């Protein structure tokens, strides 16, 4: 019963064209999850996602030091997200400080 509902929901999402939005939400959820593993404290207060277009996540940080640390670890984040999604959806992370 539950699998039927899940199948119908996935099909409805694809038909309405909402699939890219759902995928973007999943990517950002994984991004903040892995970011929390690499940085201590509340990462949603330290970083704000500005945009996700053409495989590039644009992230803003008010602290120069946090931005620099994210630049150093962005390849690790990209690899973790892409492995979780089993495809190369995320191509880069742009850090704005």
N, C-alpha and C. Protein backbone atom coordinates (compact mmCIF):
# COMPACT_ATOMS: atom_id res chain seq x y z
N UNK A 1 0.81 -1.19 0.00
CA UNK A 1 0.00 0.00 0.00
C UNK A 1 0.85 1.25 0.00
N UNK A 2 1.83 1.31 0.92
CA UNK A 2 2.68 2.49 1.00
C UNK A 2 3.51 2.67 -0.26
N UNK A 3 4.00 1.56 -0.81
CA UNK A 3 4.82 1.66 -2.02
C UNK A 3 4.00 2.18 -3.20
N UNK A 4 2.71 1.85 -3.24
CA UNK A 4 1.84 2.37 -4.30
C UNK A 4 1.70 3.89 -4.19
N UNK A 5 1.51 4.37 -2.97
CA UNK A 5 1.40 5.80 -2.74
C UNK A 5 2.70 6.52 -3.11
N UNK A 6 3.83 5.92 -2.73
CA UNK A 6 5.13 6.50 -3.04
C UNK A 6 5.34 6.58 -4.56
N UNK A 7 4.95 5.53 -5.26
CA UNK A 7 5.06 5.52 -6.72
C UNK A 7 4.19 6.60 -7.34
N UNK A 8 2.94 6.70 -6.87
CA UNK A 8 2.03 7.72 -7.40
C UNK A 8 2.52 9.13 -7.11
N UNK A 9 3.08 9.33 -5.93
CA UNK A 9 3.61 10.64 -5.58
C UNK A 9 4.78 11.02 -6.47
N UNK A 10 5.69 10.08 -6.69
CA UNK A 10 6.84 10.35 -7.57
C UNK A 10 6.37 10.66 -8.99
N UNK A 11 5.39 9.93 -9.47
CA UNK A 11 4.87 10.17 -10.81
C UNK A 11 4.19 11.54 -10.89
N UNK A 12 3.44 11.91 -9.87
CA UNK A 12 2.77 13.22 -9.86
C UNK A 12 3.78 14.35 -9.83
N UNK A 13 4.85 14.18 -9.09
CA UNK A 13 5.90 15.21 -9.02
C UNK A 13 6.54 15.39 -10.39
N UNK A 14 6.82 14.29 -11.07
CA UNK A 14 7.42 14.39 -12.41
C UNK A 14 6.48 15.04 -13.40
N UNK A 15 5.20 14.70 -13.33
CA UNK A 15 4.23 15.25 -14.28
C UNK A 15 4.03 16.75 -14.11
N UNK A 16 4.06 17.23 -12.89
CA UNK A 16 3.82 18.65 -12.64
C UNK A 16 5.04 19.51 -12.93
N UNK A 17 6.17 18.89 -13.15
CA UNK A 17 7.38 19.66 -13.40
C UNK A 17 8.07 20.11 -12.13
N UNK A 18 7.66 19.58 -11.01
CA UNK A 18 8.24 19.97 -9.72
C UNK A 18 9.48 19.17 -9.38
N UNK A 19 9.84 18.22 -10.19
CA UNK A 19 10.97 17.35 -9.91
C UNK A 19 12.28 18.12 -9.68
N UNK A 20 12.61 19.13 -10.51
CA UNK A 20 13.84 19.88 -10.24
C UNK A 20 13.84 20.58 -8.88
N UNK A 21 12.69 21.04 -8.43
CA UNK A 21 12.61 21.71 -7.14
C UNK A 21 12.81 20.73 -5.99
N UNK A 22 12.25 19.54 -6.14
CA UNK A 22 12.42 18.51 -5.14
C UNK A 22 13.88 18.07 -5.09
N UNK A 23 14.48 17.92 -6.25
CA UNK A 23 15.89 17.54 -6.32
C UNK A 23 16.77 18.61 -5.69
N UNK A 24 16.46 19.88 -5.94
CA UNK A 24 17.23 20.98 -5.36
C UNK A 24 17.13 20.96 -3.84
N UNK A 25 15.96 20.71 -3.31
CA UNK A 25 15.78 20.64 -1.85
C UNK A 25 16.61 19.51 -1.26
N UNK A 26 16.64 18.36 -1.93
CA UNK A 26 17.44 17.23 -1.46
C UNK A 26 18.92 17.57 -1.48
N UNK A 27 19.38 18.21 -2.54
CA UNK A 27 20.78 18.59 -2.65
C UNK A 27 21.16 19.53 -1.52
N UNK A 28 20.33 20.54 -1.26
CA UNK A 28 20.62 21.50 -0.20
C UNK A 28 20.55 20.85 1.18
N UNK A 29 19.66 19.89 1.35
CA UNK A 29 19.58 19.16 2.62
C UNK A 29 20.88 18.38 2.85
N UNK A 30 21.36 17.69 1.83
CA UNK A 30 22.62 16.96 1.95
C UNK A 30 23.79 17.93 2.15
N UNK A 31 23.75 19.07 1.46
CA UNK A 31 24.80 20.08 1.58
C UNK A 31 24.94 20.53 3.03
N UNK A 32 23.83 20.91 3.66
CA UNK A 32 23.89 21.36 5.04
C UNK A 32 24.23 20.23 6.01
N UNK A 33 23.80 19.02 5.68
CA UNK A 33 24.15 17.87 6.52
C UNK A 33 25.64 17.61 6.53
N UNK A 34 26.25 17.59 5.35
CA UNK A 34 27.69 17.36 5.27
C UNK A 34 28.47 18.56 5.77
N UNK A 35 27.93 19.75 5.60
CA UNK A 35 28.57 20.96 6.10
C UNK A 35 28.63 20.92 7.62
N UNK A 36 27.56 20.40 8.24
CA UNK A 36 27.54 20.26 9.69
C UNK A 36 28.59 19.28 10.20
N UNK A 37 28.93 18.29 9.38
CA UNK A 37 29.99 17.34 9.76
C UNK A 37 31.36 18.00 9.72
N UNK A 38 31.56 18.96 8.80
CA UNK A 38 32.87 19.58 8.63
C UNK A 38 33.08 20.80 9.53
N UNK A 39 32.00 21.48 9.90
CA UNK A 39 32.09 22.69 10.71
C UNK A 39 31.32 22.50 12.00
N UNK A 40 31.83 23.11 13.06
CA UNK A 40 31.16 23.03 14.36
C UNK A 40 30.13 24.15 14.48
N UNK A 41 29.14 23.93 15.30
CA UNK A 41 28.13 24.97 15.54
C UNK A 41 26.99 24.92 14.55
N UNK A 42 26.20 25.97 14.57
CA UNK A 42 25.02 26.06 13.71
C UNK A 42 25.43 26.55 12.32
N UNK A 43 25.54 25.63 11.37
CA UNK A 43 26.01 25.99 10.03
C UNK A 43 25.01 26.84 9.27
N UNK A 44 23.72 26.72 9.60
CA UNK A 44 22.72 27.53 8.91
C UNK A 44 22.79 28.99 9.34
N UNK A 45 23.43 29.27 10.47
CA UNK A 45 23.68 30.65 10.87
C UNK A 45 24.97 31.18 10.25
N UNK A 46 25.92 30.29 10.00
CA UNK A 46 27.21 30.70 9.43
C UNK A 46 27.15 30.87 7.91
N UNK A 47 26.32 30.06 7.25
CA UNK A 47 26.27 30.05 5.80
C UNK A 47 24.82 30.18 5.32
N UNK A 48 24.62 30.90 4.24
CA UNK A 48 23.31 31.03 3.61
C UNK A 48 23.45 30.67 2.13
N UNK A 49 22.58 29.78 1.66
CA UNK A 49 22.60 29.42 0.25
C UNK A 49 21.88 30.52 -0.52
N UNK A 50 22.55 31.09 -1.48
CA UNK A 50 22.00 32.16 -2.30
C UNK A 50 21.26 31.59 -3.50
N UNK A 51 21.89 30.62 -4.16
CA UNK A 51 21.32 30.11 -5.40
C UNK A 51 21.88 28.73 -5.72
N UNK A 52 21.14 27.97 -6.51
CA UNK A 52 21.63 26.70 -7.05
C UNK A 52 21.21 26.66 -8.51
N UNK A 53 22.17 26.93 -9.40
CA UNK A 53 21.90 26.92 -10.83
C UNK A 53 23.01 26.19 -11.56
N UNK A 54 22.61 25.42 -12.55
CA UNK A 54 23.54 24.73 -13.44
C UNK A 54 24.61 23.95 -12.68
N UNK A 55 24.21 23.37 -11.55
CA UNK A 55 25.12 22.52 -10.79
C UNK A 55 26.06 23.26 -9.86
N UNK A 56 25.88 24.54 -9.69
CA UNK A 56 26.76 25.32 -8.81
C UNK A 56 25.94 25.89 -7.66
N UNK A 57 26.38 25.59 -6.44
CA UNK A 57 25.75 26.12 -5.23
C UNK A 57 26.47 27.41 -4.86
N UNK A 58 25.74 28.52 -4.81
CA UNK A 58 26.30 29.80 -4.36
C UNK A 58 25.97 29.98 -2.89
N UNK A 59 27.02 30.17 -2.08
CA UNK A 59 26.88 30.24 -0.63
C UNK A 59 27.50 31.54 -0.14
N UNK A 60 26.80 32.22 0.77
CA UNK A 60 27.31 33.45 1.37
C UNK A 60 27.72 33.18 2.81
N UNK A 61 28.80 33.84 3.23
CA UNK A 61 29.27 33.76 4.60
C UNK A 61 29.70 35.15 5.04
N UNK A 62 29.26 35.55 6.22
CA UNK A 62 29.64 36.86 6.74
C UNK A 62 31.05 36.87 7.32
N UNK A 63 31.52 35.70 7.71
CA UNK A 63 32.85 35.58 8.31
C UNK A 63 33.86 35.13 7.24
N UNK A 64 34.89 35.92 7.07
CA UNK A 64 35.93 35.62 6.07
C UNK A 64 36.61 34.28 6.35
N UNK A 65 36.83 33.98 7.63
CA UNK A 65 37.51 32.74 8.00
C UNK A 65 36.65 31.52 7.64
N UNK A 66 35.34 31.59 7.91
CA UNK A 66 34.46 30.48 7.54
C UNK A 66 34.41 30.30 6.03
N UNK A 67 34.37 31.41 5.30
CA UNK A 67 34.37 31.34 3.84
C UNK A 67 35.63 30.69 3.30
N UNK A 68 36.76 31.04 3.88
CA UNK A 68 38.04 30.48 3.44
C UNK A 68 38.11 28.98 3.75
N UNK A 69 37.62 28.59 4.93
CA UNK A 69 37.60 27.17 5.28
C UNK A 69 36.68 26.38 4.34
N UNK A 70 35.56 26.98 3.96
CA UNK A 70 34.65 26.31 3.02
C UNK A 70 35.29 26.17 1.65
N UNK A 71 36.03 27.19 1.23
CA UNK A 71 36.73 27.09 -0.07
C UNK A 71 37.72 25.93 -0.08
N UNK A 72 38.38 25.72 1.06
CA UNK A 72 39.36 24.63 1.15
C UNK A 72 38.68 23.26 1.13
N UNK A 73 37.45 23.18 1.67
CA UNK A 73 36.78 21.89 1.82
C UNK A 73 35.69 21.66 0.78
N UNK A 74 35.58 22.54 -0.21
CA UNK A 74 34.46 22.41 -1.15
C UNK A 74 34.55 21.16 -2.02
N UNK A 75 35.76 20.72 -2.36
CA UNK A 75 35.88 19.50 -3.16
C UNK A 75 35.38 18.27 -2.39
N UNK A 76 35.63 18.25 -1.08
CA UNK A 76 35.14 17.15 -0.24
C UNK A 76 33.62 17.16 -0.22
N UNK A 77 33.03 18.35 -0.05
CA UNK A 77 31.57 18.48 -0.03
C UNK A 77 30.94 18.04 -1.35
N UNK A 78 31.52 18.48 -2.45
CA UNK A 78 30.99 18.12 -3.78
C UNK A 78 31.03 16.61 -3.97
N UNK A 79 32.14 15.98 -3.59
CA UNK A 79 32.25 14.52 -3.73
C UNK A 79 31.22 13.79 -2.87
N UNK A 80 31.03 14.25 -1.63
CA UNK A 80 30.07 13.59 -0.74
C UNK A 80 28.64 13.71 -1.26
N UNK A 81 28.27 14.89 -1.73
CA UNK A 81 26.91 15.09 -2.24
C UNK A 81 26.67 14.25 -3.47
N UNK A 82 27.63 14.26 -4.40
CA UNK A 82 27.47 13.49 -5.63
C UNK A 82 27.43 11.99 -5.37
N UNK A 83 28.21 11.52 -4.39
CA UNK A 83 28.16 10.10 -4.04
C UNK A 83 26.80 9.74 -3.44
N UNK A 84 26.26 10.63 -2.63
CA UNK A 84 24.96 10.38 -2.01
C UNK A 84 23.85 10.31 -3.06
N UNK A 85 23.96 11.14 -4.11
CA UNK A 85 22.95 11.17 -5.17
C UNK A 85 23.25 10.20 -6.31
N UNK A 86 24.39 9.56 -6.29
CA UNK A 86 24.82 8.62 -7.33
C UNK A 86 24.87 9.25 -8.71
N UNK A 87 25.18 10.54 -8.77
CA UNK A 87 25.38 11.23 -10.04
C UNK A 87 26.14 12.52 -9.79
N UNK A 88 26.64 13.12 -10.85
CA UNK A 88 27.39 14.37 -10.70
C UNK A 88 26.46 15.55 -10.94
N UNK A 89 25.61 15.82 -9.99
CA UNK A 89 24.66 16.92 -10.07
C UNK A 89 25.34 18.22 -9.68
N UNK A 90 26.13 18.17 -8.61
CA UNK A 90 26.82 19.37 -8.13
C UNK A 90 28.20 19.43 -8.79
N UNK A 91 28.44 20.52 -9.50
CA UNK A 91 29.71 20.70 -10.21
C UNK A 91 30.66 21.63 -9.48
N UNK A 92 30.10 22.49 -8.62
CA UNK A 92 30.96 23.43 -7.91
C UNK A 92 30.21 24.15 -6.80
N UNK A 93 31.02 24.81 -5.96
CA UNK A 93 30.48 25.63 -4.89
C UNK A 93 31.16 26.98 -4.98
N UNK A 94 30.35 28.02 -5.09
CA UNK A 94 30.85 29.39 -5.17
C UNK A 94 30.64 30.03 -3.80
N UNK A 95 31.72 30.50 -3.17
CA UNK A 95 31.65 31.08 -1.84
C UNK A 95 31.76 32.59 -1.95
N UNK A 96 30.79 33.28 -1.37
CA UNK A 96 30.77 34.74 -1.38
C UNK A 96 30.96 35.22 0.05
N UNK A 97 31.97 36.05 0.27
CA UNK A 97 32.20 36.57 1.62
C UNK A 97 32.12 38.08 1.63
